[in-house]
Amino acid sequence: AAAWWLLRDRAIRTGRDDLADETVARDFVFALVLLFVATSRVLSPQ
């Protein structure tokens, strides 16, 4: 997650304005939570 954040930050600073959009931020958080659930010891129904 930290590596993706840094790469995104660098890309934005070199002209990738599309990566600065709110939608990309929400997508990233959604993917990150999914990744933590997939690698978790626990997946309670709630």
ModelCIF file with pLDDT and N, C-alpha, C, O atoms, coordinates in Angstrom:
data_MODEL
#
_entry.id   MODEL 
#
_entity.id                         1 
_entity.type                       polymer 
_entity.pdbx_number_of_molecules   1 
#
_entity_poly.entity_id                      1 
_entity_poly.type                           'polypeptide(L)' 
_entity_poly.nstd_linkage                   no 
_entity_poly.nstd_monomer                   no 
_entity_poly.pdbx_seq_one_letter_code       AAAWWLLRDRAIRTGRDDLADETVARDFVFALVLLFVATSRVLSPQ 
_entity_poly.pdbx_seq_one_letter_code_can   AAAWWLLRDRAIRTGRDDLADETVARDFVFALVLLFVATSRVLSPQ 
_entity_poly.pdbx_strand_id                 A 
#
loop_
_entity_poly_seq.entity_id 
_entity_poly_seq.num 
_entity_poly_seq.mon_id 
_entity_poly_seq.hetero 
1 1  ALA n 
1 2  ALA n 
1 3  ALA n 
1 4  TRP n 
1 5  TRP n 
1 6  LEU n 
1 7  LEU n 
1 8  ARG n 
1 9  ASP n 
1 10 ARG n 
1 11 ALA n 
1 12 ILE n 
1 13 ARG n 
1 14 THR n 
1 15 GLY n 
1 16 ARG n 
1 17 ASP n 
1 18 ASP n 
1 19 LEU n 
1 20 ALA n 
1 21 ASP n 
1 22 GLU n 
1 23 THR n 
1 24 VAL n 
1 25 ALA n 
1 26 ARG n 
1 27 ASP n 
1 28 PHE n 
1 29 VAL n 
1 30 PHE n 
1 31 ALA n 
1 32 LEU n 
1 33 VAL n 
1 34 LEU n 
1 35 LEU n 
1 36 PHE n 
1 37 VAL n 
1 38 ALA n 
1 39 THR n 
1 40 SER n 
1 41 ARG n 
1 42 VAL n 
1 43 LEU n 
1 44 SER n 
1 45 PRO n 
1 46 GLN n 
#
_struct_asym.id          A 
_struct_asym.entity_id   1 
#
loop_
_ma_qa_metric.id 
_ma_qa_metric.mode 
_ma_qa_metric.name 
_ma_qa_metric.software_group_id 
_ma_qa_metric.type 
1 global pLDDT . pLDDT 
2 local  pLDDT . pLDDT 
#
_ma_qa_metric_global.metric_id      1 
_ma_qa_metric_global.metric_value   92.04 
_ma_qa_metric_global.model_id       1 
_ma_qa_metric_global.ordinal_id     1 
#
loop_
_ma_qa_metric_local.label_asym_id 
_ma_qa_metric_local.label_comp_id 
_ma_qa_metric_local.label_seq_id 
_ma_qa_metric_local.metric_id 
_ma_qa_metric_local.metric_value 
_ma_qa_metric_local.model_id 
_ma_qa_metric_local.ordinal_id 
A ALA 1  2 91.00 1 1  
A ALA 2  2 92.00 1 2  
A ALA 3  2 92.00 1 3  
A TRP 4  2 92.00 1 4  
A TRP 5  2 92.00 1 5  
A LEU 6  2 93.00 1 6  
A LEU 7  2 92.00 1 7  
A ARG 8  2 92.00 1 8  
A ASP 9  2 90.00 1 9  
A ARG 10 2 91.00 1 10 
A ALA 11 2 91.00 1 11 
A ILE 12 2 91.00 1 12 
A ARG 13 2 89.00 1 13 
A THR 14 2 89.00 1 14 
A GLY 15 2 87.00 1 15 
A ARG 16 2 90.00 1 16 
A ASP 17 2 89.00 1 17 
A ASP 18 2 89.00 1 18 
A LEU 19 2 91.00 1 19 
A ALA 20 2 91.00 1 20 
A ASP 21 2 92.00 1 21 
A GLU 22 2 93.00 1 22 
A THR 23 2 94.00 1 23 
A VAL 24 2 95.00 1 24 
A ALA 25 2 95.00 1 25 
A ARG 26 2 96.00 1 26 
A ASP 27 2 96.00 1 27 
A PHE 28 2 96.00 1 28 
A VAL 29 2 96.00 1 29 
A PHE 30 2 97.00 1 30 
A ALA 31 2 96.00 1 31 
A LEU 32 2 96.00 1 32 
A VAL 33 2 96.00 1 33 
A LEU 34 2 96.00 1 34 
A LEU 35 2 95.00 1 35 
A PHE 36 2 94.00 1 36 
A VAL 37 2 94.00 1 37 
A ALA 38 2 94.00 1 38 
A THR 39 2 93.00 1 39 
A SER 40 2 91.00 1 40 
A ARG 41 2 90.00 1 41 
A VAL 42 2 88.00 1 42 
A LEU 43 2 89.00 1 43 
A SER 44 2 85.00 1 44 
A PRO 45 2 85.00 1 45 
A GLN 46 2 88.00 1 46 
#
loop_
_atom_site.group_PDB 
_atom_site.id 
_atom_site.type_symbol 
_atom_site.label_atom_id 
_atom_site.label_alt_id 
_atom_site.label_comp_id 
_atom_site.label_asym_id 
_atom_site.label_entity_id 
_atom_site.label_seq_id 
_atom_site.pdbx_PDB_ins_code 
_atom_site.Cartn_x 
_atom_site.Cartn_y 
_atom_site.Cartn_z 
_atom_site.occupancy 
_atom_site.B_iso_or_equiv 
_atom_site.pdbx_formal_charge 
_atom_site.auth_seq_id 
_atom_site.auth_comp_id 
_atom_site.auth_asym_id 
_atom_site.auth_atom_id 
_atom_site.pdbx_PDB_model_num 
ATOM 1   N N  . ALA A 1 1  ? 0.833   -1.206  0.000   1.00 91.00 ? 1  ALA A N  1 
ATOM 2   C CA . ALA A 1 1  ? 0.000   0.000   0.000   1.00 91.00 ? 1  ALA A CA 1 
ATOM 3   C C  . ALA A 1 1  ? 0.864   1.251   0.000   1.00 91.00 ? 1  ALA A C  1 
ATOM 4   O O  . ALA A 1 1  ? 0.584   2.207   -0.723  1.00 91.00 ? 1  ALA A O  1 
ATOM 5   N N  . ALA A 1 2  ? 1.918   1.242   0.816   1.00 92.00 ? 2  ALA A N  1 
ATOM 6   C CA . ALA A 1 2  ? 2.810   2.400   0.860   1.00 92.00 ? 2  ALA A CA 1 
ATOM 7   C C  . ALA A 1 2  ? 3.514   2.600   -0.485  1.00 92.00 ? 2  ALA A C  1 
ATOM 8   O O  . ALA A 1 2  ? 3.670   3.731   -0.945  1.00 92.00 ? 2  ALA A O  1 
ATOM 9   N N  . ALA A 1 3  ? 3.941   1.495   -1.114  1.00 92.00 ? 3  ALA A N  1 
ATOM 10  C CA . ALA A 1 3  ? 4.605   1.602   -2.417  1.00 92.00 ? 3  ALA A CA 1 
ATOM 11  C C  . ALA A 1 3  ? 3.655   2.159   -3.466  1.00 92.00 ? 3  ALA A C  1 
ATOM 12  O O  . ALA A 1 3  ? 4.049   3.007   -4.267  1.00 92.00 ? 3  ALA A O  1 
ATOM 13  N N  . TRP A 1 4  ? 2.396   1.690   -3.475  1.00 92.00 ? 4  TRP A N  1 
ATOM 14  C CA . TRP A 1 4  ? 1.426   2.193   -4.448  1.00 92.00 ? 4  TRP A CA 1 
ATOM 15  C C  . TRP A 1 4  ? 1.176   3.672   -4.209  1.00 92.00 ? 4  TRP A C  1 
ATOM 16  O O  . TRP A 1 4  ? 1.063   4.449   -5.157  1.00 92.00 ? 4  TRP A O  1 
ATOM 17  N N  . TRP A 1 5  ? 1.088   4.069   -2.924  1.00 92.00 ? 5  TRP A N  1 
ATOM 18  C CA . TRP A 1 5  ? 0.856   5.484   -2.613  1.00 92.00 ? 5  TRP A CA 1 
ATOM 19  C C  . TRP A 1 5  ? 2.004   6.335   -3.131  1.00 92.00 ? 5  TRP A C  1 
ATOM 20  O O  . TRP A 1 5  ? 1.775   7.389   -3.724  1.00 92.00 ? 5  TRP A O  1 
ATOM 21  N N  . LEU A 1 6  ? 3.230   5.891   -2.915  1.00 93.00 ? 6  LEU A N  1 
ATOM 22  C CA . LEU A 1 6  ? 4.387   6.667   -3.356  1.00 93.00 ? 6  LEU A CA 1 
ATOM 23  C C  . LEU A 1 6  ? 4.455   6.745   -4.877  1.00 93.00 ? 6  LEU A C  1 
ATOM 24  O O  . LEU A 1 6  ? 4.764   7.800   -5.432  1.00 93.00 ? 6  LEU A O  1 
ATOM 25  N N  . LEU A 1 7  ? 4.169   5.640   -5.549  1.00 92.00 ? 7  LEU A N  1 
ATOM 26  C CA . LEU A 1 7  ? 4.176   5.650   -7.011  1.00 92.00 ? 7  LEU A CA 1 
ATOM 27  C C  . LEU A 1 7  ? 3.074   6.552   -7.560  1.00 92.00 ? 7  LEU A C  1 
ATOM 28  O O  . LEU A 1 7  ? 3.271   7.262   -8.546  1.00 92.00 ? 7  LEU A O  1 
ATOM 29  N N  . ARG A 1 8  ? 1.920   6.515   -6.912  1.00 92.00 ? 8  ARG A N  1 
ATOM 30  C CA . ARG A 1 8  ? 0.836   7.400   -7.345  1.00 92.00 ? 8  ARG A CA 1 
ATOM 31  C C  . ARG A 1 8  ? 1.226   8.857   -7.142  1.00 92.00 ? 8  ARG A C  1 
ATOM 32  O O  . ARG A 1 8  ? 0.996   9.697   -8.013  1.00 92.00 ? 8  ARG A O  1 
ATOM 33  N N  . ASP A 1 9  ? 1.822   9.155   -5.982  1.00 90.00 ? 9  ASP A N  1 
ATOM 34  C CA . ASP A 1 9  ? 2.247   10.527  -5.689  1.00 90.00 ? 9  ASP A CA 1 
ATOM 35  C C  . ASP A 1 9  ? 3.254   11.004  -6.721  1.00 90.00 ? 9  ASP A C  1 
ATOM 36  O O  . ASP A 1 9  ? 3.164   12.133  -7.204  1.00 90.00 ? 9  ASP A O  1 
ATOM 37  N N  . ARG A 1 10 ? 4.217   10.147  -7.061  1.00 91.00 ? 10 ARG A N  1 
ATOM 38  C CA . ARG A 1 10 ? 5.227   10.530  -8.054  1.00 91.00 ? 10 ARG A CA 1 
ATOM 39  C C  . ARG A 1 10 ? 4.590   10.750  -9.420  1.00 91.00 ? 10 ARG A C  1 
ATOM 40  O O  . ARG A 1 10 ? 4.942   11.692  -10.130 1.00 91.00 ? 10 ARG A O  1 
ATOM 41  N N  . ALA A 1 11 ? 3.647   9.875   -9.788  1.00 91.00 ? 11 ALA A N  1 
ATOM 42  C CA . ALA A 1 11 ? 2.994   10.015  -11.091 1.00 91.00 ? 11 ALA A CA 1 
ATOM 43  C C  . ALA A 1 11 ? 2.188   11.303  -11.166 1.00 91.00 ? 11 ALA A C  1 
ATOM 44  O O  . ALA A 1 11 ? 2.182   11.973  -12.199 1.00 91.00 ? 11 ALA A O  1 
ATOM 45  N N  . ILE A 1 12 ? 1.512   11.652  -10.088 1.00 91.00 ? 12 ILE A N  1 
ATOM 46  C CA . ILE A 1 12 ? 0.731   12.895  -10.072 1.00 91.00 ? 12 ILE A CA 1 
ATOM 47  C C  . ILE A 1 12 ? 1.652   14.091  -10.258 1.00 91.00 ? 12 ILE A C  1 
ATOM 48  O O  . ILE A 1 12 ? 1.318   15.034  -10.976 1.00 91.00 ? 12 ILE A O  1 
ATOM 49  N N  . ARG A 1 13 ? 2.794   14.052  -9.620  1.00 89.00 ? 13 ARG A N  1 
ATOM 50  C CA . ARG A 1 13 ? 3.728   15.176  -9.697  1.00 89.00 ? 13 ARG A CA 1 
ATOM 51  C C  . ARG A 1 13 ? 4.396   15.283  -11.071 1.00 89.00 ? 13 ARG A C  1 
ATOM 52  O O  . ARG A 1 13 ? 4.989   16.312  -11.398 1.00 89.00 ? 13 ARG A O  1 
ATOM 53  N N  . THR A 1 14 ? 4.300   14.224  -11.870 1.00 89.00 ? 14 THR A N  1 
ATOM 54  C CA . THR A 1 14 ? 4.868   14.275  -13.229 1.00 89.00 ? 14 THR A CA 1 
ATOM 55  C C  . THR A 1 14 ? 3.787   14.431  -14.295 1.00 89.00 ? 14 THR A C  1 
ATOM 56  O O  . THR A 1 14 ? 4.049   14.216  -15.478 1.00 89.00 ? 14 THR A O  1 
ATOM 57  N N  . GLY A 1 15 ? 2.567   14.807  -13.884 1.00 87.00 ? 15 GLY A N  1 
ATOM 58  C CA . GLY A 1 15 ? 1.540   15.138  -14.852 1.00 87.00 ? 15 GLY A CA 1 
ATOM 59  C C  . GLY A 1 15 ? 0.348   14.215  -14.917 1.00 87.00 ? 15 GLY A C  1 
ATOM 60  O O  . GLY A 1 15 ? -0.556  14.455  -15.718 1.00 87.00 ? 15 GLY A O  1 
ATOM 61  N N  . ARG A 1 16 ? 0.302   13.164  -14.109 1.00 90.00 ? 16 ARG A N  1 
ATOM 62  C CA . ARG A 1 16 ? -0.839  12.251  -14.149 1.00 90.00 ? 16 ARG A CA 1 
ATOM 63  C C  . ARG A 1 16 ? -1.978  12.810  -13.302 1.00 90.00 ? 16 ARG A C  1 
ATOM 64  O O  . ARG A 1 16 ? -2.261  12.293  -12.221 1.00 90.00 ? 16 ARG A O  1 
ATOM 65  N N  . ASP A 1 17 ? -2.633  13.867  -13.788 1.00 89.00 ? 17 ASP A N  1 
ATOM 66  C CA . ASP A 1 17 ? -3.716  14.494  -13.036 1.00 89.00 ? 17 ASP A CA 1 
ATOM 67  C C  . ASP A 1 17 ? -4.895  13.561  -12.810 1.00 89.00 ? 17 ASP A C  1 
ATOM 68  O O  . ASP A 1 17 ? -5.654  13.738  -11.857 1.00 89.00 ? 17 ASP A O  1 
ATOM 69  N N  . ASP A 1 18 ? -5.054  12.563  -13.686 1.00 89.00 ? 18 ASP A N  1 
ATOM 70  C CA . ASP A 1 18 ? -6.166  11.642  -13.527 1.00 89.00 ? 18 ASP A CA 1 
ATOM 71  C C  . ASP A 1 18 ? -6.056  10.840  -12.232 1.00 89.00 ? 18 ASP A C  1 
ATOM 72  O O  . ASP A 1 18 ? -7.071  10.417  -11.681 1.00 89.00 ? 18 ASP A O  1 
ATOM 73  N N  . LEU A 1 19 ? -4.834  10.628  -11.741 1.00 91.00 ? 19 LEU A N  1 
ATOM 74  C CA . LEU A 1 19 ? -4.644  9.869   -10.508 1.00 91.00 ? 19 LEU A CA 1 
ATOM 75  C C  . LEU A 1 19 ? -4.976  10.684  -9.263  1.00 91.00 ? 19 LEU A C  1 
ATOM 76  O O  . LEU A 1 19 ? -5.062  10.131  -8.167  1.00 91.00 ? 19 LEU A O  1 
ATOM 77  N N  . ALA A 1 20 ? -5.161  11.991  -9.422  1.00 91.00 ? 20 ALA A N  1 
ATOM 78  C CA . ALA A 1 20 ? -5.498  12.844  -8.285  1.00 91.00 ? 20 ALA A CA 1 
ATOM 79  C C  . ALA A 1 20 ? -6.989  12.905  -8.027  1.00 91.00 ? 20 ALA A C  1 
ATOM 80  O O  . ALA A 1 20 ? -7.420  13.568  -7.084  1.00 91.00 ? 20 ALA A O  1 
ATOM 81  N N  . ASP A 1 21 ? -7.783  12.234  -8.834  1.00 92.00 ? 21 ASP A N  1 
ATOM 82  C CA . ASP A 1 21 ? -9.235  12.301  -8.697  1.00 92.00 ? 21 ASP A CA 1 
ATOM 83  C C  . ASP A 1 21 ? -9.695  11.559  -7.451  1.00 92.00 ? 21 ASP A C  1 
ATOM 84  O O  . ASP A 1 21 ? -9.062  10.596  -7.019  1.00 92.00 ? 21 ASP A O  1 
ATOM 85  N N  . GLU A 1 22 ? -10.814 12.022  -6.872  1.00 93.00 ? 22 GLU A N  1 
ATOM 86  C CA . GLU A 1 22 ? -11.388 11.392  -5.683  1.00 93.00 ? 22 GLU A CA 1 
ATOM 87  C C  . GLU A 1 22 ? -11.734 9.930   -5.935  1.00 93.00 ? 22 GLU A C  1 
ATOM 88  O O  . GLU A 1 22 ? -11.584 9.089   -5.049  1.00 93.00 ? 22 GLU A O  1 
ATOM 89  N N  . THR A 1 23 ? -12.193 9.634   -7.135  1.00 94.00 ? 23 THR A N  1 
ATOM 90  C CA . THR A 1 23 ? -12.612 8.266   -7.438  1.00 94.00 ? 23 THR A CA 1 
ATOM 91  C C  . THR A 1 23 ? -11.452 7.290   -7.309  1.00 94.00 ? 23 THR A C  1 
ATOM 92  O O  . THR A 1 23 ? -11.629 6.183   -6.802  1.00 94.00 ? 23 THR A O  1 
ATOM 93  N N  . VAL A 1 24 ? -10.264 7.690   -7.766  1.00 95.00 ? 24 VAL A N  1 
ATOM 94  C CA . VAL A 1 24 ? -9.092  6.831   -7.642  1.00 95.00 ? 24 VAL A CA 1 
ATOM 95  C C  . VAL A 1 24 ? -8.765  6.598   -6.175  1.00 95.00 ? 24 VAL A C  1 
ATOM 96  O O  . VAL A 1 24 ? -8.385  5.492   -5.791  1.00 95.00 ? 24 VAL A O  1 
ATOM 97  N N  . ALA A 1 25 ? -8.911  7.634   -5.354  1.00 95.00 ? 25 ALA A N  1 
ATOM 98  C CA . ALA A 1 25 ? -8.645  7.497   -3.918  1.00 95.00 ? 25 ALA A CA 1 
ATOM 99  C C  . ALA A 1 25 ? -9.585  6.471   -3.291  1.00 95.00 ? 25 ALA A C  1 
ATOM 100 O O  . ALA A 1 25 ? -9.152  5.618   -2.516  1.00 95.00 ? 25 ALA A O  1 
ATOM 101 N N  . ARG A 1 26 ? -10.861 6.556   -3.625  1.00 96.00 ? 26 ARG A N  1 
ATOM 102 C CA . ARG A 1 26 ? -11.831 5.601   -3.060  1.00 96.00 ? 26 ARG A CA 1 
ATOM 103 C C  . ARG A 1 26 ? -11.589 4.201   -3.594  1.00 96.00 ? 26 ARG A C  1 
ATOM 104 O O  . ARG A 1 26 ? -11.720 3.222   -2.859  1.00 96.00 ? 26 ARG A O  1 
ATOM 105 N N  . ASP A 1 27 ? -11.236 4.102   -4.869  1.00 96.00 ? 27 ASP A N  1 
ATOM 106 C CA . ASP A 1 27 ? -10.908 2.795   -5.432  1.00 96.00 ? 27 ASP A CA 1 
ATOM 107 C C  . ASP A 1 27 ? -9.736  2.163   -4.682  1.00 96.00 ? 27 ASP A C  1 
ATOM 108 O O  . ASP A 1 27 ? -9.750  0.971   -4.374  1.00 96.00 ? 27 ASP A O  1 
ATOM 109 N N  . PHE A 1 28 ? -8.731  2.975   -4.395  1.00 96.00 ? 28 PHE A N  1 
ATOM 110 C CA . PHE A 1 28 ? -7.540  2.470   -3.715  1.00 96.00 ? 28 PHE A CA 1 
ATOM 111 C C  . PHE A 1 28 ? -7.887  1.944   -2.332  1.00 96.00 ? 28 PHE A C  1 
ATOM 112 O O  . PHE A 1 28 ? -7.428  0.870   -1.943  1.00 96.00 ? 28 PHE A O  1 
ATOM 113 N N  . VAL A 1 29 ? -8.690  2.688   -1.591  1.00 96.00 ? 29 VAL A N  1 
ATOM 114 C CA . VAL A 1 29 ? -9.092  2.248   -0.248  1.00 96.00 ? 29 VAL A CA 1 
ATOM 115 C C  . VAL A 1 29 ? -9.889  0.947   -0.328  1.00 96.00 ? 29 VAL A C  1 
ATOM 116 O O  . VAL A 1 29 ? -9.683  0.038   0.477   1.00 96.00 ? 29 VAL A O  1 
ATOM 117 N N  . PHE A 1 30 ? -10.794 0.859   -1.293  1.00 97.00 ? 30 PHE A N  1 
ATOM 118 C CA . PHE A 1 30 ? -11.592 -0.360  -1.470  1.00 97.00 ? 30 PHE A CA 1 
ATOM 119 C C  . PHE A 1 30 ? -10.685 -1.560  -1.753  1.00 97.00 ? 30 PHE A C  1 
ATOM 120 O O  . PHE A 1 30 ? -10.854 -2.621  -1.151  1.00 97.00 ? 30 PHE A O  1 
ATOM 121 N N  . ALA A 1 31 ? -9.731  -1.396  -2.661  1.00 96.00 ? 31 ALA A N  1 
ATOM 122 C CA . ALA A 1 31 ? -8.807  -2.484  -2.988  1.00 96.00 ? 31 ALA A CA 1 
ATOM 123 C C  . ALA A 1 31 ? -7.950  -2.858  -1.794  1.00 96.00 ? 31 ALA A C  1 
ATOM 124 O O  . ALA A 1 31 ? -7.659  -4.035  -1.578  1.00 96.00 ? 31 ALA A O  1 
ATOM 125 N N  . LEU A 1 32 ? -7.546  -1.864  -1.018  1.00 96.00 ? 32 LEU A N  1 
ATOM 126 C CA . LEU A 1 32 ? -6.696  -2.125  0.143   1.00 96.00 ? 32 LEU A CA 1 
ATOM 127 C C  . LEU A 1 32 ? -7.448  -2.919  1.207   1.00 96.00 ? 32 LEU A C  1 
ATOM 128 O O  . LEU A 1 32 ? -6.898  -3.853  1.790   1.00 96.00 ? 32 LEU A O  1 
ATOM 129 N N  . VAL A 1 33 ? -8.694  -2.553  1.459   1.00 96.00 ? 33 VAL A N  1 
ATOM 130 C CA . VAL A 1 33 ? -9.489  -3.299  2.437   1.00 96.00 ? 33 VAL A CA 1 
ATOM 131 C C  . VAL A 1 33 ? -9.733  -4.726  1.944   1.00 96.00 ? 33 VAL A C  1 
ATOM 132 O O  . VAL A 1 33 ? -9.657  -5.676  2.724   1.00 96.00 ? 33 VAL A O  1 
ATOM 133 N N  . LEU A 1 34 ? -10.024 -4.876  0.658   1.00 96.00 ? 34 LEU A N  1 
ATOM 134 C CA . LEU A 1 34 ? -10.178 -6.220  0.101   1.00 96.00 ? 34 LEU A CA 1 
ATOM 135 C C  . LEU A 1 34 ? -8.906  -7.048  0.303   1.00 96.00 ? 34 LEU A C  1 
ATOM 136 O O  . LEU A 1 34 ? -8.975  -8.228  0.645   1.00 96.00 ? 34 LEU A O  1 
ATOM 137 N N  . LEU A 1 35 ? -7.766  -6.430  0.094   1.00 95.00 ? 35 LEU A N  1 
ATOM 138 C CA . LEU A 1 35 ? -6.505  -7.142  0.231   1.00 95.00 ? 35 LEU A CA 1 
ATOM 139 C C  . LEU A 1 35 ? -6.271  -7.574  1.674   1.00 95.00 ? 35 LEU A C  1 
ATOM 140 O O  . LEU A 1 35 ? -5.761  -8.666  1.923   1.00 95.00 ? 35 LEU A O  1 
ATOM 141 N N  . PHE A 1 36 ? -6.641  -6.721  2.622   1.00 94.00 ? 36 PHE A N  1 
ATOM 142 C CA . PHE A 1 36 ? -6.490  -7.094  4.024   1.00 94.00 ? 36 PHE A CA 1 
ATOM 143 C C  . PHE A 1 36 ? -7.459  -8.215  4.408   1.00 94.00 ? 36 PHE A C  1 
ATOM 144 O O  . PHE A 1 36 ? -7.102  -9.101  5.184   1.00 94.00 ? 36 PHE A O  1 
ATOM 145 N N  . VAL A 1 37 ? -8.656  -8.183  3.881   1.00 94.00 ? 37 VAL A N  1 
ATOM 146 C CA . VAL A 1 37 ? -9.607  -9.260  4.168   1.00 94.00 ? 37 VAL A CA 1 
ATOM 147 C C  . VAL A 1 37 ? -9.107  -10.576 3.583   1.00 94.00 ? 37 VAL A C  1 
ATOM 148 O O  . VAL A 1 37 ? -9.213  -11.624 4.220   1.00 94.00 ? 37 VAL A O  1 
ATOM 149 N N  . ALA A 1 38 ? -8.566  -10.519 2.375   1.00 94.00 ? 38 ALA A N  1 
ATOM 150 C CA . ALA A 1 38 ? -8.096  -11.738 1.714   1.00 94.00 ? 38 ALA A CA 1 
ATOM 151 C C  . ALA A 1 38 ? -6.925  -12.365 2.445   1.00 94.00 ? 38 ALA A C  1 
ATOM 152 O O  . ALA A 1 38 ? -6.740  -13.581 2.383   1.00 94.00 ? 38 ALA A O  1 
ATOM 153 N N  . THR A 1 39 ? -6.126  -11.554 3.140   1.00 93.00 ? 39 THR A N  1 
ATOM 154 C CA . THR A 1 39 ? -4.955  -12.076 3.835   1.00 93.00 ? 39 THR A CA 1 
ATOM 155 C C  . THR A 1 39 ? -5.157  -12.142 5.345   1.00 93.00 ? 39 THR A C  1 
ATOM 156 O O  . THR A 1 39 ? -4.195  -12.276 6.102   1.00 93.00 ? 39 THR A O  1 
ATOM 157 N N  . SER A 1 40 ? -6.403  -12.049 5.775   1.00 91.00 ? 40 SER A N  1 
ATOM 158 C CA . SER A 1 40 ? -6.700  -12.057 7.208   1.00 91.00 ? 40 SER A CA 1 
ATOM 159 C C  . SER A 1 40 ? -6.929  -13.476 7.717   1.00 91.00 ? 40 SER A C  1 
ATOM 160 O O  . SER A 1 40 ? -7.407  -14.341 6.983   1.00 91.00 ? 40 SER A O  1 
ATOM 161 N N  . ARG A 1 41 ? -6.585  -13.703 8.976   1.00 90.00 ? 41 ARG A N  1 
ATOM 162 C CA . ARG A 1 41 ? -6.878  -14.988 9.612   1.00 90.00 ? 41 ARG A CA 1 
ATOM 163 C C  . ARG A 1 41 ? -8.361  -15.140 9.905   1.00 90.00 ? 41 ARG A C  1 
ATOM 164 O O  . ARG A 1 41 ? -8.852  -16.240 10.162  1.00 90.00 ? 41 ARG A O  1 
ATOM 165 N N  . VAL A 1 42 ? -9.066  -14.015 9.861   1.00 88.00 ? 42 VAL A N  1 
ATOM 166 C CA . VAL A 1 42 ? -10.462 -13.985 10.288  1.00 88.00 ? 42 VAL A CA 1 
ATOM 167 C C  . VAL A 1 42 ? -11.314 -13.412 9.161   1.00 88.00 ? 42 VAL A C  1 
ATOM 168 O O  . VAL A 1 42 ? -10.927 -12.444 8.507   1.00 88.00 ? 42 VAL A O  1 
ATOM 169 N N  . LEU A 1 43 ? -12.469 -14.015 8.944   1.00 89.00 ? 43 LEU A N  1 
ATOM 170 C CA . LEU A 1 43 ? -13.441 -13.427 8.030   1.00 89.00 ? 43 LEU A CA 1 
ATOM 171 C C  . LEU A 1 43 ? -14.825 -13.711 8.605   1.00 89.00 ? 43 LEU A C  1 
ATOM 172 O O  . LEU A 1 43 ? -15.573 -14.551 8.106   1.00 89.00 ? 43 LEU A O  1 
ATOM 173 N N  . SER A 1 44 ? -15.133 -12.986 9.663   1.00 85.00 ? 44 SER A N  1 
ATOM 174 C CA . SER A 1 44 ? -16.434 -13.153 10.302  1.00 85.00 ? 44 SER A CA 1 
ATOM 175 C C  . SER A 1 44 ? -17.525 -12.664 9.366   1.00 85.00 ? 44 SER A C  1 
ATOM 176 O O  . SER A 1 44 ? -17.276 -11.791 8.535   1.00 85.00 ? 44 SER A O  1 
ATOM 177 N N  . PRO A 1 45 ? -18.735 -13.210 9.485   1.00 85.00 ? 45 PRO A N  1 
ATOM 178 C CA . PRO A 1 45 ? -19.801 -12.824 8.548   1.00 85.00 ? 45 PRO A CA 1 
ATOM 179 C C  . PRO A 1 45 ? -20.102 -11.335 8.552   1.00 85.00 ? 45 PRO A C  1 
ATOM 180 O O  . PRO A 1 45 ? -20.514 -10.783 7.532   1.00 85.00 ? 45 PRO A O  1 
ATOM 181 N N  . GLN A 1 46 ? -19.897 -10.670 9.707   1.00 88.00 ? 46 GLN A N  1 
ATOM 182 C CA . GLN A 1 46 ? -20.208 -9.242  9.754   1.00 88.00 ? 46 GLN A CA 1 
ATOM 183 C C  . GLN A 1 46 ? -19.233 -8.395  8.943   1.00 88.00 ? 46 GLN A C  1 
ATOM 184 O O  . GLN A 1 46 ? -19.373 -7.173  8.891   1.00 88.00 ? 46 GLN A O  1 
#
